[in-house]
Amino acid sequence: MIWHRPYTLEEINDLFAINMTGFLDIKAISITDDAIVAEMPVNEKVKQPYGLLHGGASCVLAESVGSVASNLVIDSDVYAGVGLEINANHIRPVTKGTVKATCTPLHIGKTTHVWDIRITNERDALVCISRLTIAVIKKPQT
């Protein structure tokens, strides 16, 4: 198991329930020993003006699940995982339904994490592939 401790879906969804992820209705649906899977409905909140899933919304989904994953790997009392770089290739359009992001590690180091996030549609066809790099920083003393 890569996680700092065992986490429940409820704990992860408490994180997703606030801020942008809450607004976009992103929810975790699965956590395994080395992956987190989250879903996002394709509705008016996440579409661009031509009715397609906005590429930026795919990036929000990818960065959100990857950032949460990094912060579950580290001791979050001492460290914070913060986004350093994200890239995304948008493979096919989506106009309705739900997309699913599966986040798995490519590299878990002491100061950086690299995550592979694959977003698929309801037919499991690849919609977007993203790579997220996280910097692991020491939390400032307060």
N, C-alpha and C. Protein backbone atom coordinates (compact mmCIF):
# COMPACT_ATOMS: atom_id res chain seq x y z
N MET A 1 0.85 -1.19 0.00
CA MET A 1 0.00 0.00 0.00
C MET A 1 0.89 1.25 0.00
N ILE A 2 0.56 2.21 -0.86
CA ILE A 2 1.37 3.42 -0.96
C ILE A 2 0.91 4.52 -0.01
N TRP A 3 -0.26 4.40 0.56
CA TRP A 3 -0.84 5.47 1.38
C TRP A 3 -0.17 5.53 2.74
N HIS A 4 -0.11 6.75 3.30
CA HIS A 4 0.51 6.97 4.62
C HIS A 4 -0.21 6.15 5.70
N ARG A 5 -1.51 6.00 5.54
CA ARG A 5 -2.34 5.17 6.42
C ARG A 5 -3.55 4.75 5.61
N PRO A 6 -4.32 3.80 6.08
CA PRO A 6 -5.55 3.45 5.35
C PRO A 6 -6.54 4.62 5.38
N TYR A 7 -7.13 4.91 4.24
CA TYR A 7 -8.14 5.97 4.11
C TYR A 7 -9.43 5.36 3.61
N THR A 8 -10.55 5.99 4.00
CA THR A 8 -11.86 5.54 3.52
C THR A 8 -12.33 6.47 2.40
N LEU A 9 -13.28 5.98 1.63
CA LEU A 9 -13.89 6.83 0.60
C LEU A 9 -14.56 8.04 1.23
N GLU A 10 -15.13 7.86 2.39
CA GLU A 10 -15.78 8.98 3.07
C GLU A 10 -14.78 10.10 3.38
N GLU A 11 -13.59 9.74 3.85
CA GLU A 11 -12.57 10.74 4.14
C GLU A 11 -12.14 11.48 2.87
N ILE A 12 -11.98 10.74 1.80
CA ILE A 12 -11.57 11.36 0.53
C ILE A 12 -12.69 12.25 0.01
N ASN A 13 -13.91 11.79 0.09
CA ASN A 13 -15.04 12.59 -0.40
C ASN A 13 -15.30 13.81 0.47
N ASP A 14 -14.91 13.78 1.74
CA ASP A 14 -14.97 15.00 2.55
C ASP A 14 -14.05 16.07 1.97
N LEU A 15 -12.88 15.66 1.45
CA LEU A 15 -11.97 16.60 0.80
C LEU A 15 -12.56 17.11 -0.52
N PHE A 16 -13.14 16.21 -1.29
CA PHE A 16 -13.72 16.58 -2.58
C PHE A 16 -14.99 17.42 -2.44
N ALA A 17 -15.65 17.38 -1.31
CA ALA A 17 -16.95 18.04 -1.14
C ALA A 17 -16.85 19.56 -1.07
N ILE A 18 -15.66 20.10 -0.90
CA ILE A 18 -15.52 21.55 -0.74
C ILE A 18 -14.82 22.17 -1.95
N ASN A 19 -14.90 23.46 -2.06
CA ASN A 19 -14.20 24.25 -3.07
C ASN A 19 -14.57 23.83 -4.49
N MET A 20 -13.63 23.90 -5.42
CA MET A 20 -13.94 23.63 -6.82
C MET A 20 -14.42 22.20 -7.05
N THR A 21 -13.81 21.24 -6.38
CA THR A 21 -14.23 19.86 -6.58
C THR A 21 -15.67 19.65 -6.12
N GLY A 22 -16.06 20.32 -5.07
CA GLY A 22 -17.45 20.25 -4.62
C GLY A 22 -18.38 20.88 -5.62
N PHE A 23 -17.99 22.04 -6.16
CA PHE A 23 -18.81 22.73 -7.15
C PHE A 23 -19.01 21.87 -8.40
N LEU A 24 -17.98 21.13 -8.80
CA LEU A 24 -18.06 20.29 -10.00
C LEU A 24 -18.58 18.88 -9.71
N ASP A 25 -18.96 18.61 -8.47
CA ASP A 25 -19.53 17.32 -8.07
C ASP A 25 -18.59 16.14 -8.29
N ILE A 26 -17.29 16.37 -8.08
CA ILE A 26 -16.29 15.30 -8.20
C ILE A 26 -16.37 14.44 -6.94
N LYS A 27 -16.42 13.12 -7.14
CA LYS A 27 -16.52 12.19 -6.02
C LYS A 27 -15.59 10.99 -6.25
N ALA A 28 -14.94 10.57 -5.19
CA ALA A 28 -14.14 9.35 -5.24
C ALA A 28 -15.07 8.15 -5.21
N ILE A 29 -14.79 7.16 -6.03
CA ILE A 29 -15.62 5.95 -6.06
C ILE A 29 -14.85 4.71 -5.67
N SER A 30 -13.49 4.82 -5.62
CA SER A 30 -12.69 3.64 -5.29
C SER A 30 -11.31 4.08 -4.82
N ILE A 31 -10.80 3.35 -3.84
CA ILE A 31 -9.39 3.48 -3.44
C ILE A 31 -8.86 2.07 -3.26
N THR A 32 -7.73 1.79 -3.91
CA THR A 32 -7.07 0.49 -3.79
C THR A 32 -5.70 0.72 -3.15
N ASP A 33 -4.87 -0.30 -3.12
CA ASP A 33 -3.54 -0.16 -2.53
C ASP A 33 -2.67 0.85 -3.25
N ASP A 34 -2.96 1.12 -4.54
CA ASP A 34 -2.10 2.04 -5.29
C ASP A 34 -2.85 2.90 -6.31
N ALA A 35 -4.13 3.12 -6.11
CA ALA A 35 -4.89 3.94 -7.06
C ALA A 35 -6.11 4.57 -6.39
N ILE A 36 -6.49 5.71 -6.94
CA ILE A 36 -7.75 6.35 -6.57
C ILE A 36 -8.53 6.56 -7.85
N VAL A 37 -9.82 6.29 -7.81
CA VAL A 37 -10.70 6.52 -8.94
C VAL A 37 -11.78 7.51 -8.51
N ALA A 38 -11.99 8.53 -9.34
CA ALA A 38 -13.01 9.55 -9.05
C ALA A 38 -13.85 9.76 -10.29
N GLU A 39 -15.08 10.23 -10.08
CA GLU A 39 -16.01 10.51 -11.18
C GLU A 39 -16.43 11.97 -11.16
N MET A 40 -16.81 12.47 -12.35
CA MET A 40 -17.34 13.82 -12.49
C MET A 40 -18.47 13.79 -13.52
N PRO A 41 -19.64 14.32 -13.18
CA PRO A 41 -20.72 14.37 -14.17
C PRO A 41 -20.40 15.40 -15.26
N VAL A 42 -20.76 15.06 -16.48
CA VAL A 42 -20.60 16.00 -17.59
C VAL A 42 -21.93 16.74 -17.73
N ASN A 43 -21.95 17.94 -17.17
CA ASN A 43 -23.15 18.78 -17.18
C ASN A 43 -22.76 20.20 -17.58
N GLU A 44 -23.66 21.13 -17.46
CA GLU A 44 -23.40 22.51 -17.91
C GLU A 44 -22.24 23.17 -17.16
N LYS A 45 -21.95 22.73 -15.95
CA LYS A 45 -20.84 23.31 -15.18
C LYS A 45 -19.49 23.06 -15.82
N VAL A 46 -19.36 21.95 -16.56
CA VAL A 46 -18.04 21.53 -17.06
C VAL A 46 -17.94 21.54 -18.59
N LYS A 47 -18.93 22.11 -19.26
CA LYS A 47 -18.90 22.16 -20.73
C LYS A 47 -18.38 23.50 -21.23
N GLN A 48 -17.76 23.46 -22.39
CA GLN A 48 -17.37 24.69 -23.07
C GLN A 48 -18.56 25.17 -23.92
N PRO A 49 -18.49 26.36 -24.53
CA PRO A 49 -19.66 26.93 -25.21
C PRO A 49 -20.26 26.07 -26.33
N TYR A 50 -19.51 25.09 -26.84
CA TYR A 50 -20.01 24.26 -27.94
C TYR A 50 -20.60 22.93 -27.45
N GLY A 51 -20.79 22.82 -26.13
CA GLY A 51 -21.48 21.66 -25.58
C GLY A 51 -20.61 20.46 -25.27
N LEU A 52 -19.29 20.62 -25.39
CA LEU A 52 -18.36 19.51 -25.10
C LEU A 52 -17.73 19.69 -23.73
N LEU A 53 -17.29 18.59 -23.15
CA LEU A 53 -16.53 18.65 -21.91
C LEU A 53 -15.33 19.57 -22.11
N HIS A 54 -15.20 20.56 -21.27
CA HIS A 54 -14.11 21.54 -21.34
C HIS A 54 -12.80 20.87 -20.96
N GLY A 55 -11.77 21.11 -21.74
CA GLY A 55 -10.46 20.54 -21.42
C GLY A 55 -9.96 20.98 -20.06
N GLY A 56 -10.29 22.19 -19.66
CA GLY A 56 -9.91 22.68 -18.34
C GLY A 56 -10.59 21.90 -17.23
N ALA A 57 -11.82 21.46 -17.47
CA ALA A 57 -12.52 20.66 -16.47
C ALA A 57 -11.85 19.29 -16.33
N SER A 58 -11.39 18.73 -17.44
CA SER A 58 -10.64 17.48 -17.36
C SER A 58 -9.37 17.67 -16.55
N CYS A 59 -8.70 18.82 -16.74
CA CYS A 59 -7.49 19.12 -15.96
C CYS A 59 -7.82 19.30 -14.48
N VAL A 60 -8.95 19.93 -14.18
CA VAL A 60 -9.36 20.08 -12.77
C VAL A 60 -9.56 18.69 -12.15
N LEU A 61 -10.24 17.82 -12.87
CA LEU A 61 -10.46 16.46 -12.37
C LEU A 61 -9.12 15.75 -12.15
N ALA A 62 -8.25 15.81 -13.14
CA ALA A 62 -6.95 15.13 -13.05
C ALA A 62 -6.11 15.70 -11.91
N GLU A 63 -5.99 17.01 -11.84
CA GLU A 63 -5.16 17.61 -10.79
C GLU A 63 -5.75 17.37 -9.41
N SER A 64 -7.05 17.37 -9.31
CA SER A 64 -7.69 17.16 -8.01
C SER A 64 -7.42 15.75 -7.49
N VAL A 65 -7.64 14.75 -8.31
CA VAL A 65 -7.44 13.38 -7.84
C VAL A 65 -5.96 13.11 -7.59
N GLY A 66 -5.08 13.67 -8.43
CA GLY A 66 -3.64 13.49 -8.23
C GLY A 66 -3.12 14.21 -6.99
N SER A 67 -3.61 15.41 -6.75
CA SER A 67 -3.18 16.16 -5.57
C SER A 67 -3.64 15.48 -4.30
N VAL A 68 -4.88 15.01 -4.28
CA VAL A 68 -5.36 14.28 -3.12
C VAL A 68 -4.52 13.02 -2.92
N ALA A 69 -4.23 12.31 -3.99
CA ALA A 69 -3.43 11.09 -3.88
C ALA A 69 -2.07 11.40 -3.25
N SER A 70 -1.41 12.44 -3.71
CA SER A 70 -0.10 12.79 -3.13
C SER A 70 -0.20 13.09 -1.66
N ASN A 71 -1.23 13.81 -1.29
CA ASN A 71 -1.37 14.19 0.12
C ASN A 71 -1.78 13.01 1.00
N LEU A 72 -2.25 11.93 0.40
CA LEU A 72 -2.54 10.72 1.15
C LEU A 72 -1.31 9.83 1.30
N VAL A 73 -0.30 10.07 0.47
CA VAL A 73 0.93 9.30 0.53
C VAL A 73 1.86 9.84 1.63
N ILE A 74 1.86 11.14 1.83
CA ILE A 74 2.80 11.79 2.75
C ILE A 74 2.18 11.97 4.14
N ASP A 75 3.02 12.32 5.09
CA ASP A 75 2.55 12.70 6.42
C ASP A 75 2.08 14.14 6.33
N SER A 76 0.76 14.33 6.21
CA SER A 76 0.22 15.67 5.97
C SER A 76 0.29 16.59 7.19
N ASP A 77 0.74 16.08 8.31
CA ASP A 77 0.99 16.96 9.46
C ASP A 77 2.30 17.73 9.27
N VAL A 78 3.22 17.16 8.48
CA VAL A 78 4.55 17.75 8.30
C VAL A 78 4.73 18.30 6.88
N TYR A 79 4.16 17.64 5.87
CA TYR A 79 4.39 17.98 4.47
C TYR A 79 3.09 18.33 3.75
N ALA A 80 3.23 18.99 2.63
CA ALA A 80 2.10 19.28 1.74
C ALA A 80 2.54 18.93 0.32
N GLY A 81 1.63 18.32 -0.42
CA GLY A 81 1.86 18.05 -1.83
C GLY A 81 1.16 19.14 -2.64
N VAL A 82 1.94 19.85 -3.46
CA VAL A 82 1.38 20.95 -4.24
C VAL A 82 1.70 20.75 -5.72
N GLY A 83 0.77 21.14 -6.56
CA GLY A 83 0.94 20.96 -8.00
C GLY A 83 2.15 21.72 -8.52
N LEU A 84 2.97 21.04 -9.31
CA LEU A 84 4.14 21.64 -9.93
C LEU A 84 3.95 21.77 -11.44
N GLU A 85 3.35 20.74 -12.05
CA GLU A 85 3.14 20.76 -13.50
C GLU A 85 2.06 19.75 -13.85
N ILE A 86 1.23 20.12 -14.82
CA ILE A 86 0.23 19.19 -15.34
C ILE A 86 0.23 19.29 -16.86
N ASN A 87 0.08 18.16 -17.51
CA ASN A 87 -0.18 18.19 -18.95
C ASN A 87 -1.33 17.25 -19.24
N ALA A 88 -1.97 17.50 -20.34
CA ALA A 88 -3.15 16.70 -20.69
C ALA A 88 -3.28 16.61 -22.21
N ASN A 89 -3.57 15.42 -22.68
CA ASN A 89 -3.93 15.21 -24.08
C ASN A 89 -5.40 14.83 -24.11
N HIS A 90 -6.18 15.62 -24.83
CA HIS A 90 -7.62 15.39 -24.94
C HIS A 90 -7.86 14.53 -26.17
N ILE A 91 -8.31 13.32 -25.95
CA ILE A 91 -8.39 12.30 -26.99
C ILE A 91 -9.72 12.30 -27.74
N ARG A 92 -10.82 12.37 -27.00
CA ARG A 92 -12.14 12.32 -27.65
C ARG A 92 -13.11 13.18 -26.87
N PRO A 93 -14.13 13.72 -27.55
CA PRO A 93 -15.09 14.59 -26.88
C PRO A 93 -16.11 13.80 -26.07
N VAL A 94 -16.68 14.50 -25.08
CA VAL A 94 -17.77 13.95 -24.28
C VAL A 94 -18.83 15.04 -24.19
N THR A 95 -20.09 14.67 -24.38
CA THR A 95 -21.18 15.65 -24.31
C THR A 95 -22.15 15.40 -23.17
N LYS A 96 -22.12 14.19 -22.61
CA LYS A 96 -23.07 13.87 -21.54
C LYS A 96 -22.54 12.69 -20.74
N GLY A 97 -23.24 12.40 -19.65
CA GLY A 97 -22.88 11.24 -18.84
C GLY A 97 -21.92 11.59 -17.73
N THR A 98 -21.00 10.67 -17.47
CA THR A 98 -20.02 10.80 -16.40
C THR A 98 -18.66 10.38 -16.93
N VAL A 99 -17.63 11.08 -16.49
CA VAL A 99 -16.26 10.65 -16.80
C VAL A 99 -15.61 10.15 -15.52
N LYS A 100 -14.68 9.21 -15.70
CA LYS A 100 -14.02 8.56 -14.57
C LYS A 100 -12.51 8.75 -14.71
N ALA A 101 -11.87 9.21 -13.63
CA ALA A 101 -10.42 9.41 -13.62
C ALA A 101 -9.77 8.36 -12.73
N THR A 102 -8.82 7.61 -13.31
CA THR A 102 -8.07 6.62 -12.57
C THR A 102 -6.65 7.14 -12.40
N CYS A 103 -6.23 7.31 -11.15
CA CYS A 103 -4.95 7.93 -10.82
C CYS A 103 -4.02 6.88 -10.23
N THR A 104 -2.87 6.66 -10.89
CA THR A 104 -1.87 5.71 -10.40
C THR A 104 -0.50 6.38 -10.40
N PRO A 105 0.40 5.94 -9.51
CA PRO A 105 1.71 6.58 -9.44
C PRO A 105 2.65 6.11 -10.54
N LEU A 106 3.43 7.05 -11.06
CA LEU A 106 4.56 6.72 -11.93
C LEU A 106 5.86 6.82 -11.15
N HIS A 107 5.88 7.74 -10.16
CA HIS A 107 7.07 7.96 -9.33
C HIS A 107 6.62 8.54 -8.00
N ILE A 108 7.07 7.94 -6.92
CA ILE A 108 6.82 8.50 -5.59
C ILE A 108 8.18 8.65 -4.93
N GLY A 109 8.69 9.88 -4.99
CA GLY A 109 9.98 10.18 -4.38
C GLY A 109 9.80 10.98 -3.11
N LYS A 110 10.93 11.37 -2.54
CA LYS A 110 10.91 12.13 -1.29
C LYS A 110 10.42 13.56 -1.52
N THR A 111 10.77 14.16 -2.67
CA THR A 111 10.40 15.56 -2.91
C THR A 111 9.48 15.76 -4.11
N THR A 112 9.27 14.72 -4.91
CA THR A 112 8.34 14.83 -6.04
C THR A 112 7.56 13.53 -6.20
N HIS A 113 6.35 13.70 -6.70
CA HIS A 113 5.50 12.57 -7.10
C HIS A 113 5.06 12.84 -8.53
N VAL A 114 4.97 11.80 -9.33
CA VAL A 114 4.44 11.92 -10.69
C VAL A 114 3.30 10.91 -10.82
N TRP A 115 2.14 11.40 -11.26
CA TRP A 115 0.93 10.59 -11.34
C TRP A 115 0.45 10.48 -12.79
N ASP A 116 -0.05 9.32 -13.13
CA ASP A 116 -0.71 9.07 -14.41
C ASP A 116 -2.20 9.07 -14.14
N ILE A 117 -2.93 9.96 -14.83
CA ILE A 117 -4.38 10.03 -14.65
C ILE A 117 -5.03 9.79 -16.01
N ARG A 118 -5.82 8.75 -16.08
CA ARG A 118 -6.53 8.40 -17.33
C ARG A 118 -8.01 8.63 -17.11
N ILE A 119 -8.57 9.49 -17.94
CA ILE A 119 -10.00 9.82 -17.86
C ILE A 119 -10.72 9.09 -18.98
N THR A 120 -11.77 8.36 -18.60
CA THR A 120 -12.53 7.59 -19.57
C THR A 120 -14.01 7.97 -19.50
N ASN A 121 -14.73 7.64 -20.58
CA ASN A 121 -16.17 7.88 -20.61
C ASN A 121 -16.91 6.65 -20.08
N GLU A 122 -18.22 6.68 -20.17
CA GLU A 122 -19.03 5.58 -19.63
C GLU A 122 -18.82 4.26 -20.37
N ARG A 123 -18.24 4.30 -21.57
CA ARG A 123 -17.94 3.09 -22.33
C ARG A 123 -16.48 2.66 -22.14
N ASP A 124 -15.79 3.27 -21.17
CA ASP A 124 -14.38 3.01 -20.88
C ASP A 124 -13.44 3.41 -22.02
N ALA A 125 -13.90 4.28 -22.90
CA ALA A 125 -13.04 4.80 -23.96
C ALA A 125 -12.23 5.97 -23.40
N LEU A 126 -10.97 6.03 -23.77
CA LEU A 126 -10.08 7.07 -23.27
C LEU A 126 -10.50 8.45 -23.77
N VAL A 127 -10.70 9.36 -22.85
CA VAL A 127 -11.11 10.74 -23.14
C VAL A 127 -9.92 11.68 -23.01
N CYS A 128 -9.12 11.48 -21.98
CA CYS A 128 -7.99 12.37 -21.69
C CYS A 128 -6.93 11.58 -20.94
N ILE A 129 -5.69 11.84 -21.25
CA ILE A 129 -4.59 11.26 -20.49
C ILE A 129 -3.77 12.42 -19.96
N SER A 130 -3.47 12.37 -18.67
CA SER A 130 -2.79 13.47 -18.02
C SER A 130 -1.64 12.95 -17.16
N ARG A 131 -0.60 13.77 -17.06
CA ARG A 131 0.49 13.48 -16.14
C ARG A 131 0.61 14.68 -15.22
N LEU A 132 0.63 14.42 -13.93
CA LEU A 132 0.70 15.46 -12.91
C LEU A 132 1.95 15.27 -12.08
N THR A 133 2.73 16.34 -11.95
CA THR A 133 3.90 16.34 -11.07
C THR A 133 3.60 17.17 -9.85
N ILE A 134 3.85 16.59 -8.69
CA ILE A 134 3.60 17.23 -7.40
C ILE A 134 4.93 17.49 -6.71
N ALA A 135 5.08 18.68 -6.15
CA ALA A 135 6.23 18.98 -5.29
C ALA A 135 5.81 18.71 -3.85
N VAL A 136 6.65 18.00 -3.13
CA VAL A 136 6.39 17.74 -1.71
C VAL A 136 7.22 18.74 -0.92
N ILE A 137 6.51 19.61 -0.20
CA ILE A 137 7.18 20.68 0.55
C ILE A 137 6.92 20.51 2.04
N LYS A 138 7.83 21.02 2.83
CA LYS A 138 7.62 21.02 4.28
C LYS A 138 6.63 22.14 4.59
N LYS A 139 5.65 21.85 5.43
CA LYS A 139 4.67 22.86 5.82
C LYS A 139 5.36 23.94 6.64
N PRO A 140 4.99 25.19 6.41
CA PRO A 140 5.59 26.26 7.20
C PRO A 140 5.21 26.13 8.69
N GLN A 141 6.12 26.49 9.55
CA GLN A 141 5.84 26.51 11.00
C GLN A 141 4.88 27.64 11.30
N THR A 142 3.86 27.39 12.10
CA THR A 142 2.92 28.46 12.47
C THR A 142 2.99 28.79 13.94
